[in-house]
PDB file of all heavy atoms in Angstrom:
ATOM      1  N   GLU A   1     125.480 126.597  -9.619  1.00  0.00           N
ATOM      2  CA  GLU A   1     126.560 126.373  -8.661  1.00  0.00           C
ATOM      3  C   GLU A   1     126.666 124.902  -8.284  1.00  0.00           C
ATOM      4  O   GLU A   1     127.772 124.384  -8.079  1.00  0.00           O
ATOM      5  CB  GLU A   1     126.351 127.227  -7.409  1.00  0.00           C
ATOM      6  CG  GLU A   1     127.586 127.339  -6.524  1.00  0.00           C
ATOM      7  CD  GLU A   1     128.804 127.871  -7.267  1.00  0.00           C
ATOM      8  OE1 GLU A   1     128.646 128.772  -8.121  1.00  0.00           O
ATOM      9  OE2 GLU A   1     129.920 127.377  -7.001  1.00  0.00           O
ATOM     10  N   GLY A   2     125.547 124.210  -8.220  1.00  0.00           N
ATOM     11  CA  GLY A   2     125.575 122.778  -7.939  1.00  0.00           C
ATOM     12  C   GLY A   2     126.267 122.008  -9.040  1.00  0.00           C
ATOM     13  O   GLY A   2     127.032 121.070  -8.777  1.00  0.00           O
ATOM     14  N   LEU A   3     126.015 122.390 -10.291  1.00  0.00           N
ATOM     15  CA  LEU A   3     126.675 121.756 -11.434  1.00  0.00           C
ATOM     16  C   LEU A   3     128.182 121.988 -11.387  1.00  0.00           C
ATOM     17  O   LEU A   3     128.967 121.070 -11.621  1.00  0.00           O
ATOM     18  CB  LEU A   3     126.101 122.307 -12.745  1.00  0.00           C
ATOM     19  CG  LEU A   3     124.684 121.863 -13.107  1.00  0.00           C
ATOM     20  CD1 LEU A   3     124.138 122.709 -14.248  1.00  0.00           C
ATOM     21  CD2 LEU A   3     124.655 120.377 -13.487  1.00  0.00           C
ATOM     22  N   LEU A   4     128.586 123.221 -11.068  1.00  0.00           N
ATOM     23  CA  LEU A   4     130.013 123.539 -11.020  1.00  0.00           C
ATOM     24  C   LEU A   4     130.707 122.812  -9.871  1.00  0.00           C
ATOM     25  O   LEU A   4     131.846 122.356 -10.012  1.00  0.00           O
ATOM     26  CB  LEU A   4     130.219 125.045 -10.902  1.00  0.00           C
ATOM     27  CG  LEU A   4     129.895 125.843 -12.165  1.00  0.00           C
ATOM     28  CD1 LEU A   4     129.923 127.338 -11.884  1.00  0.00           C
ATOM     29  CD2 LEU A   4     130.854 125.495 -13.291  1.00  0.00           C
ATOM     30  N   THR A   5     130.025 122.676  -8.748  1.00  0.00           N
ATOM     31  CA  THR A   5     130.595 121.942  -7.617  1.00  0.00           C
ATOM     32  C   THR A   5     130.778 120.468  -7.979  1.00  0.00           C
ATOM     33  O   THR A   5     131.813 119.859  -7.673  1.00  0.00           O
ATOM     34  CB  THR A   5     129.689 122.074  -6.378  1.00  0.00           C
ATOM     35  OG1 THR A   5     129.598 123.455  -6.014  1.00  0.00           O
ATOM     36  CG2 THR A   5     130.247 121.283  -5.206  1.00  0.00           C
ATOM     37  N   ALA A   6     129.775 119.893  -8.639  1.00  0.00           N
ATOM     38  CA  ALA A   6     129.868 118.493  -9.060  1.00  0.00           C
ATOM     39  C   ALA A   6     130.959 118.315 -10.101  1.00  0.00           C
ATOM     40  O   ALA A   6     131.710 117.331 -10.073  1.00  0.00           O
ATOM     41  CB  ALA A   6     128.519 118.031  -9.620  1.00  0.00           C
ATOM     42  N   PHE A   7     131.058 119.273 -11.034  1.00  0.00           N
ATOM     43  CA  PHE A   7     132.098 119.204 -12.058  1.00  0.00           C
ATOM     44  C   PHE A   7     133.481 119.292 -11.429  1.00  0.00           C
ATOM     45  O   PHE A   7     134.395 118.560 -11.808  1.00  0.00           O
ATOM     46  CB  PHE A   7     131.900 120.339 -13.066  1.00  0.00           C
ATOM     47  CG  PHE A   7     132.999 120.438 -14.090  1.00  0.00           C
ATOM     48  CD1 PHE A   7     133.093 119.516 -15.122  1.00  0.00           C
ATOM     49  CD2 PHE A   7     133.957 121.445 -14.016  1.00  0.00           C
ATOM     50  CE1 PHE A   7     134.114 119.596 -16.060  1.00  0.00           C
ATOM     51  CE2 PHE A   7     134.969 121.538 -14.944  1.00  0.00           C
ATOM     52  CZ  PHE A   7     135.050 120.614 -15.970  1.00  0.00           C
ATOM     53  N   GLN A   8     133.629 120.170 -10.454  1.00  0.00           N
ATOM     54  CA  GLN A   8     134.931 120.314  -9.796  1.00  0.00           C
ATOM     55  C   GLN A   8     135.314 119.026  -9.061  1.00  0.00           C
ATOM     56  O   GLN A   8     136.487 118.647  -9.039  1.00  0.00           O
ATOM     57  CB  GLN A   8     134.925 121.489  -8.822  1.00  0.00           C
ATOM     58  CG  GLN A   8     136.273 121.689  -8.131  1.00  0.00           C
ATOM     59  CD  GLN A   8     136.377 123.015  -7.417  1.00  0.00           C
ATOM     60  OE1 GLN A   8     135.784 123.999  -7.834  1.00  0.00           O
ATOM     61  NE2 GLN A   8     137.135 123.048  -6.330  1.00  0.00           N
ATOM     62  N   ALA A   9     134.325 118.363  -8.466  1.00  0.00           N
ATOM     63  CA  ALA A   9     134.615 117.097  -7.770  1.00  0.00           C
ATOM     64  C   ALA A   9     135.157 116.066  -8.751  1.00  0.00           C
ATOM     65  O   ALA A   9     136.114 115.341  -8.448  1.00  0.00           O
ATOM     66  CB  ALA A   9     133.356 116.579  -7.086  1.00  0.00           C
ATOM     67  N   TRP A  10     134.552 116.002  -9.966  1.00  0.00           N
ATOM     68  CA  TRP A  10     135.078 115.090 -10.992  1.00  0.00           C
ATOM     69  C   TRP A  10     136.488 115.524 -11.400  1.00  0.00           C
ATOM     70  O   TRP A  10     137.389 114.687 -11.527  1.00  0.00           O
ATOM     71  CB  TRP A  10     134.175 115.077 -12.230  1.00  0.00           C
ATOM     72  CG  TRP A  10     134.865 114.459 -13.402  1.00  0.00           C
ATOM     73  CD1 TRP A  10     134.995 113.125 -13.677  1.00  0.00           C
ATOM     74  CD2 TRP A  10     135.586 115.159 -14.440  1.00  0.00           C
ATOM     75  NE1 TRP A  10     135.749 112.953 -14.819  1.00  0.00           N
ATOM     76  CE2 TRP A  10     136.118 114.167 -15.305  1.00  0.00           C
ATOM     77  CE3 TRP A  10     135.824 116.496 -14.721  1.00  0.00           C
ATOM     78  CZ2 TRP A  10     136.871 114.505 -16.431  1.00  0.00           C
ATOM     79  CZ3 TRP A  10     136.566 116.831 -15.829  1.00  0.00           C
ATOM     80  CH2 TRP A  10     137.077 115.844 -16.672  1.00  0.00           C
ATOM     81  N   ALA A  11     136.669 116.815 -11.607  1.00  0.00           N
ATOM     82  CA  ALA A  11     137.965 117.335 -12.054  1.00  0.00           C
ATOM     83  C   ALA A  11     139.066 117.016 -11.047  1.00  0.00           C
ATOM     84  O   ALA A  11     140.190 116.675 -11.419  1.00  0.00           O
ATOM     85  CB  ALA A  11     137.877 118.844 -12.293  1.00  0.00           C
ATOM     86  N   GLU A  12     138.756 117.122  -9.755  1.00  0.00           N
ATOM     87  CA  GLU A  12     139.747 116.821  -8.725  1.00  0.00           C
ATOM     88  C   GLU A  12     140.225 115.380  -8.830  1.00  0.00           C
ATOM     89  O   GLU A  12     141.392 115.073  -8.604  1.00  0.00           O
ATOM     90  CB  GLU A  12     139.165 117.068  -7.327  1.00  0.00           C
ATOM     91  CG  GLU A  12     138.863 118.525  -7.007  1.00  0.00           C
ATOM     92  CD  GLU A  12     140.108 119.316  -6.638  1.00  0.00           C
ATOM     93  OE1 GLU A  12     141.209 118.760  -6.668  1.00  0.00           O
ATOM     94  OE2 GLU A  12     139.958 120.517  -6.334  1.00  0.00           O
ATOM     95  N   ARG A  13     139.312 114.488  -9.184  1.00  0.00           N
ATOM     96  CA  ARG A  13     139.654 113.060  -9.282  1.00  0.00           C
ATOM     97  C   ARG A  13     140.364 112.716 -10.582  1.00  0.00           C
ATOM     98  O   ARG A  13     141.172 111.782 -10.615  1.00  0.00           O
ATOM     99  CB  ARG A  13     138.383 112.205  -9.166  1.00  0.00           C
ATOM    100  CG  ARG A  13     137.700 112.245  -7.820  1.00  0.00           C
ATOM    101  CD  ARG A  13     136.608 111.194  -7.724  1.00  0.00           C
ATOM    102  NE  ARG A  13     135.581 111.375  -8.747  1.00  0.00           N
ATOM    103  CZ  ARG A  13     134.485 112.107  -8.583  1.00  0.00           C
ATOM    104  NH1 ARG A  13     134.283 112.745  -7.435  1.00  0.00           N
ATOM    105  NH2 ARG A  13     133.590 112.220  -9.552  1.00  0.00           N
ATOM    106  N   SER A  14     140.050 113.424 -11.655  1.00  0.00           N
ATOM    107  CA  SER A  14     140.472 112.967 -12.981  1.00  0.00           C
ATOM    108  C   SER A  14     141.517 113.829 -13.681  1.00  0.00           C
ATOM    109  O   SER A  14     142.400 113.295 -14.353  1.00  0.00           O
ATOM    110  CB  SER A  14     139.238 112.849 -13.900  1.00  0.00           C
ATOM    111  OG  SER A  14     138.306 111.928 -13.376  1.00  0.00           O
ATOM    112  N   ILE A  15     141.409 115.150 -13.588  1.00  0.00           N
ATOM    113  CA  ILE A  15     142.325 116.013 -14.322  1.00  0.00           C
ATOM    114  C   ILE A  15     143.709 115.961 -13.671  1.00  0.00           C
ATOM    115  O   ILE A  15     143.865 116.306 -12.499  1.00  0.00           O
ATOM    116  CB  ILE A  15     141.808 117.460 -14.384  1.00  0.00           C
ATOM    117  CG1 ILE A  15     140.538 117.521 -15.233  1.00  0.00           C
ATOM    118  CG2 ILE A  15     142.864 118.398 -14.953  1.00  0.00           C
ATOM    119  CD1 ILE A  15     139.949 118.901 -15.387  1.00  0.00           C
ATOM    120  N   GLY A  16     144.681 115.513 -14.443  1.00  0.00           N
ATOM    121  CA  GLY A  16     146.031 115.364 -13.926  1.00  0.00           C
ATOM    122  C   GLY A  16     146.371 113.940 -13.539  1.00  0.00           C
ATOM    123  O   GLY A  16     147.449 113.698 -12.995  1.00  0.00           O
ATOM    124  N   ASP A  17     145.446 112.995 -13.827  1.00  0.00           N
ATOM    125  CA  ASP A  17     145.784 111.589 -13.597  1.00  0.00           C
ATOM    126  C   ASP A  17     147.081 111.291 -14.354  1.00  0.00           C
ATOM    127  O   ASP A  17     147.153 111.459 -15.565  1.00  0.00           O
ATOM    128  CB  ASP A  17     144.655 110.689 -14.100  1.00  0.00           C
ATOM    129  CG  ASP A  17     144.969 109.220 -13.954  1.00  0.00           C
ATOM    130  OD1 ASP A  17     145.637 108.678 -14.868  1.00  0.00           O
ATOM    131  OD2 ASP A  17     144.572 108.613 -12.943  1.00  0.00           O
ATOM    132  N   GLU A  18     148.103 110.861 -13.632  1.00  0.00           N
ATOM    133  CA  GLU A  18     149.448 110.764 -14.215  1.00  0.00           C
ATOM    134  C   GLU A  18     149.518 109.808 -15.397  1.00  0.00           C
ATOM    135  O   GLU A  18     150.070 110.127 -16.448  1.00  0.00           O
ATOM    136  CB  GLU A  18     150.435 110.334 -13.123  1.00  0.00           C
ATOM    137  CG  GLU A  18     151.885 110.513 -13.515  1.00  0.00           C
ATOM    138  CD  GLU A  18     152.833 110.264 -12.355  1.00  0.00           C
ATOM    139  OE1 GLU A  18     152.517 110.689 -11.237  1.00  0.00           O
ATOM    140  OE2 GLU A  18     153.890 109.657 -12.587  1.00  0.00           O
ATOM    141  N   ALA A  19     148.952 108.613 -15.233  1.00  0.00           N
ATOM    142  CA  ALA A  19     149.047 107.604 -16.290  1.00  0.00           C
ATOM    143  C   ALA A  19     148.250 108.021 -17.520  1.00  0.00           C
ATOM    144  O   ALA A  19     148.729 107.909 -18.659  1.00  0.00           O
ATOM    145  CB  ALA A  19     148.559 106.256 -15.762  1.00  0.00           C
ATOM    146  N   TRP A  20     147.021 108.492 -17.315  1.00  0.00           N
ATOM    147  CA  TRP A  20     146.165 108.906 -18.429  1.00  0.00           C
ATOM    148  C   TRP A  20     146.787 110.081 -19.170  1.00  0.00           C
ATOM    149  O   TRP A  20     146.872 110.082 -20.402  1.00  0.00           O
ATOM    150  CB  TRP A  20     144.776 109.245 -17.894  1.00  0.00           C
ATOM    151  CG  TRP A  20     143.833 109.828 -18.901  1.00  0.00           C
ATOM    152  CD1 TRP A  20     143.877 109.690 -20.261  1.00  0.00           C
ATOM    153  CD2 TRP A  20     142.700 110.648 -18.631  1.00  0.00           C
ATOM    154  NE1 TRP A  20     142.844 110.371 -20.852  1.00  0.00           N
ATOM    155  CE2 TRP A  20     142.096 110.970 -19.872  1.00  0.00           C
ATOM    156  CE3 TRP A  20     142.127 111.140 -17.450  1.00  0.00           C
ATOM    157  CZ2 TRP A  20     140.954 111.769 -19.964  1.00  0.00           C
ATOM    158  CZ3 TRP A  20     140.984 111.930 -17.553  1.00  0.00           C
ATOM    159  CH2 TRP A  20     140.410 112.237 -18.793  1.00  0.00           C
ATOM    160  N   THR A  21     147.243 111.086 -18.433  1.00  0.00           N
ATOM    161  CA  THR A  21     147.851 112.258 -19.059  1.00  0.00           C
ATOM    162  C   THR A  21     149.086 111.885 -19.866  1.00  0.00           C
ATOM    163  O   THR A  21     149.266 112.340 -21.007  1.00  0.00           O
ATOM    164  CB  THR A  21     148.227 113.305 -17.993  1.00  0.00           C
ATOM    165  OG1 THR A  21     147.057 113.664 -17.251  1.00  0.00           O
ATOM    166  CG2 THR A  21     148.833 114.543 -18.622  1.00  0.00           C
ATOM    167  N   ALA A  22     149.935 111.028 -19.280  1.00  0.00           N
ATOM    168  CA  ALA A  22     151.159 110.618 -19.979  1.00  0.00           C
ATOM    169  C   ALA A  22     150.826 109.896 -21.277  1.00  0.00           C
ATOM    170  O   ALA A  22     151.487 110.105 -22.302  1.00  0.00           O
ATOM    171  CB  ALA A  22     151.999 109.730 -19.072  1.00  0.00           C
ATOM    172  N   LEU A  23     149.815 109.035 -21.246  1.00  0.00           N
ATOM    173  CA  LEU A  23     149.433 108.302 -22.454  1.00  0.00           C
ATOM    174  C   LEU A  23     148.929 109.254 -23.528  1.00  0.00           C
ATOM    175  O   LEU A  23     149.307 109.138 -24.703  1.00  0.00           O
ATOM    176  CB  LEU A  23     148.367 107.257 -22.121  1.00  0.00           C
ATOM    177  CG  LEU A  23     147.834 106.443 -23.307  1.00  0.00           C
ATOM    178  CD1 LEU A  23     148.962 105.673 -23.998  1.00  0.00           C
ATOM    179  CD2 LEU A  23     146.722 105.500 -22.855  1.00  0.00           C
ATOM    180  N   GLU A  24     148.065 110.187 -23.150  1.00  0.00           N
ATOM    181  CA  GLU A  24     147.528 111.143 -24.126  1.00  0.00           C
ATOM    182  C   GLU A  24     148.656 111.946 -24.777  1.00  0.00           C
ATOM    183  O   GLU A  24     148.694 112.109 -25.997  1.00  0.00           O
ATOM    184  CB  GLU A  24     146.550 112.095 -23.428  1.00  0.00           C
ATOM    185  CG  GLU A  24     145.279 111.451 -22.933  1.00  0.00           C
ATOM    186  CD  GLU A  24     144.152 111.453 -23.940  1.00  0.00           C
ATOM    187  OE1 GLU A  24     144.397 111.748 -25.133  1.00  0.00           O
ATOM    188  OE2 GLU A  24     143.016 111.165 -23.539  1.00  0.00           O
ATOM    189  N   VAL A  25     149.570 112.454 -23.947  1.00  0.00           N
ATOM    190  CA  VAL A  25     150.656 113.297 -24.465  1.00  0.00           C
ATOM    191  C   VAL A  25     151.609 112.473 -25.332  1.00  0.00           C
ATOM    192  O   VAL A  25     152.006 112.904 -26.424  1.00  0.00           O
ATOM    193  CB  VAL A  25     151.424 113.960 -23.305  1.00  0.00           C
ATOM    194  CG1 VAL A  25     152.681 114.661 -23.817  1.00  0.00           C
ATOM    195  CG2 VAL A  25     150.522 114.958 -22.579  1.00  0.00           C
ATOM    196  N   GLU A  26     151.982 111.277 -24.871  1.00  0.00           N
ATOM    197  CA  GLU A  26     152.912 110.441 -25.623  1.00  0.00           C
ATOM    198  C   GLU A  26     152.332 110.062 -26.973  1.00  0.00           C
ATOM    199  O   GLU A  26     153.009 110.147 -28.009  1.00  0.00           O
ATOM    200  CB  GLU A  26     153.240 109.179 -24.820  1.00  0.00           C
ATOM    201  CG  GLU A  26     154.242 108.262 -25.531  1.00  0.00           C
ATOM    202  CD  GLU A  26     154.513 106.969 -24.787  1.00  0.00           C
ATOM    203  OE1 GLU A  26     153.819 106.695 -23.779  1.00  0.00           O
ATOM    204  OE2 GLU A  26     155.412 106.231 -25.231  1.00  0.00           O
ATOM    205  N   PHE A  27     151.065 109.658 -26.985  1.00  0.00           N
ATOM    206  CA  PHE A  27     150.456 109.226 -28.243  1.00  0.00           C
ATOM    207  C   PHE A  27     150.285 110.403 -29.200  1.00  0.00           C
ATOM    208  O   PHE A  27     150.560 110.283 -30.400  1.00  0.00           O
ATOM    209  CB  PHE A  27     149.109 108.551 -27.981  1.00  0.00           C
ATOM    210  CG  PHE A  27     148.511 107.918 -29.206  1.00  0.00           C
ATOM    211  CD1 PHE A  27     149.142 106.845 -29.821  1.00  0.00           C
ATOM    212  CD2 PHE A  27     147.334 108.397 -29.750  1.00  0.00           C
ATOM    213  CE1 PHE A  27     148.601 106.262 -30.962  1.00  0.00           C
ATOM    214  CE2 PHE A  27     146.782 107.822 -30.880  1.00  0.00           C
ATOM    215  CZ  PHE A  27     147.417 106.745 -31.485  1.00  0.00           C
ATOM    216  N   ALA A  28     149.843 111.541 -28.673  1.00  0.00           N
ATOM    217  CA  ALA A  28     149.669 112.714 -29.532  1.00  0.00           C
ATOM    218  C   ALA A  28     150.997 113.170 -30.113  1.00  0.00           C
ATOM    219  O   ALA A  28     151.071 113.585 -31.282  1.00  0.00           O
ATOM    220  CB  ALA A  28     149.021 113.848 -28.736  1.00  0.00           C
ATOM    221  N   THR A  29     152.066 113.072 -29.334  1.00  0.00           N
ATOM    222  CA  THR A  29     153.397 113.458 -29.819  1.00  0.00           C
ATOM    223  C   THR A  29     153.849 112.524 -30.931  1.00  0.00           C
ATOM    224  O   THR A  29     154.376 112.974 -31.967  1.00  0.00           O
ATOM    225  CB  THR A  29     154.422 113.431 -28.667  1.00  0.00           C
ATOM    226  OG1 THR A  29     154.001 114.337 -27.642  1.00  0.00           O
ATOM    227  CG2 THR A  29     155.800 113.853 -29.157  1.00  0.00           C
ATOM    228  N   ASN A  30     153.631 111.230 -30.749  1.00  0.00           N
ATOM    229  CA  ASN A  30     153.995 110.265 -31.792  1.00  0.00           C
ATOM    230  C   ASN A  30     153.153 110.442 -33.045  1.00  0.00           C
ATOM    231  O   ASN A  30     153.614 110.203 -34.168  1.00  0.00           O
ATOM    232  CB  ASN A  30     153.831 108.831 -31.275  1.00  0.00           C
ATOM    233  CG  ASN A  30     154.892 108.452 -30.267  1.00  0.00           C
ATOM    234  OD1 ASN A  30     155.957 109.062 -30.218  1.00  0.00           O
ATOM    235  ND2 ASN A  30     154.607 107.450 -29.438  1.00  0.00           N
ATOM    236  N   ALA A  31     151.904 110.872 -32.859  1.00  0.00           N
ATOM    237  CA  ALA A  31     150.966 110.965 -33.979  1.00  0.00           C
ATOM    238  C   ALA A  31     151.352 112.024 -34.994  1.00  0.00           C
ATOM    239  O   ALA A  31     150.877 111.989 -36.134  1.00  0.00           O
ATOM    240  CB  ALA A  31     149.563 111.243 -33.455  1.00  0.00           C
ATOM    241  N   ARG A  32     152.190 112.966 -34.620  1.00  0.00           N
ATOM    242  CA  ARG A  32     152.533 114.054 -35.549  1.00  0.00           C
ATOM    243  C   ARG A  32     153.217 113.524 -36.800  1.00  0.00           C
ATOM    244  O   ARG A  32     153.246 114.205 -37.819  1.00  0.00           O
ATOM    245  CB  ARG A  32     153.419 115.079 -34.844  1.00  0.00           C
ATOM    246  CG  ARG A  32     154.846 114.631 -34.610  1.00  0.00           C
ATOM    247  CD  ARG A  32     155.627 115.676 -33.801  1.00  0.00           C
ATOM    248  NE  ARG A  32     157.052 115.373 -33.731  1.00  0.00           N
ATOM    249  CZ  ARG A  32     157.600 114.507 -32.894  1.00  0.00           C
ATOM    250  NH1 ARG A  32     156.825 113.833 -32.042  1.00  0.00           N
ATOM    251  NH2 ARG A  32     158.903 114.295 -32.890  1.00  0.00           N
ATOM    252  N   ARG A  33     153.749 112.322 -36.754  1.00  0.00           N
ATOM    253  CA  ARG A  33     154.445 111.757 -37.911  1.00  0.00           C
ATOM    254  C   ARG A  33     153.513 110.998 -38.845  1.00  0.00           C
ATOM    255  O   ARG A  33     153.924 110.579 -39.918  1.00  0.00           O
ATOM    256  CB  ARG A  33     155.553 110.800 -37.433  1.00  0.00           C
ATOM    257  CG  ARG A  33     156.582 111.439 -36.508  1.00  0.00           C
ATOM    258  CD  ARG A  33     157.704 110.466 -36.205  1.00  0.00           C
ATOM    259  NE  ARG A  33     158.685 111.014 -35.279  1.00  0.00           N
ATOM    260  CZ  ARG A  33     158.632 110.891 -33.962  1.00  0.00           C
ATOM    261  NH1 ARG A  33     157.628 110.210 -33.411  1.00  0.00           N
ATOM    262  NH2 ARG A  33     159.551 111.417 -33.179  1.00  0.00           N
ATOM    263  N   ASP A  34     152.272 110.769 -38.416  1.00  0.00           N
ATOM    264  CA  ASP A  34     151.345 109.952 -39.200  1.00  0.00           C
ATOM    265  C   ASP A  34     150.079 110.755 -39.496  1.00  0.00           C
ATOM    266  O   ASP A  34     149.264 110.981 -38.598  1.00  0.00           O
ATOM    267  CB  ASP A  34     150.998 108.682 -38.412  1.00  0.00           C
ATOM    268  CG  ASP A  34     150.180 107.699 -39.232  1.00  0.00           C
ATOM    269  OD1 ASP A  34     149.377 108.136 -40.073  1.00  0.00           O
ATOM    270  OD2 ASP A  34     150.347 106.480 -39.026  1.00  0.00           O
ATOM    271  N   PRO A  35     149.900 111.196 -40.753  1.00  0.00           N
ATOM    272  CA  PRO A  35     148.726 112.010 -41.094  1.00  0.00           C
ATOM    273  C   PRO A  35     147.405 111.322 -40.774  1.00  0.00           C
ATOM    274  O   PRO A  35     146.443 111.989 -40.360  1.00  0.00           O
ATOM    275  CB  PRO A  35     148.879 112.237 -42.605  1.00  0.00           C
ATOM    276  CG  PRO A  35     150.345 112.086 -42.860  1.00  0.00           C
ATOM    277  CD  PRO A  35     150.816 111.038 -41.905  1.00  0.00           C
ATOM    278  N   HIS A  36     147.339 109.999 -40.949  1.00  0.00           N
ATOM    279  CA  HIS A  36     146.091 109.275 -40.675  1.00  0.00           C
ATOM    280  C   HIS A  36     145.749 109.346 -39.184  1.00  0.00           C
ATOM    281  O   HIS A  36     144.605 109.641 -38.809  1.00  0.00           O
ATOM    282  CB  HIS A  36     146.210 107.819 -41.114  1.00  0.00           C
ATOM    283  CG  HIS A  36     145.049 106.974 -40.679  1.00  0.00           C
ATOM    284  ND1 HIS A  36     143.799 107.084 -41.242  1.00  0.00           N
ATOM    285  CD2 HIS A  36     144.948 106.021 -39.702  1.00  0.00           C
ATOM    286  CE1 HIS A  36     142.972 106.230 -40.646  1.00  0.00           C
ATOM    287  NE2 HIS A  36     143.648 105.580 -39.714  1.00  0.00           N
TER     288      HIS A  36
END
């Protein structure tokens, strides 16, 4: 339970970060055209 509480604290800070999420999605979407 201590591990899950600590993990949730990290998740609250990081999961859904607008700039990071947008970059990941934008780059992955562009990558579909390049097999490499």
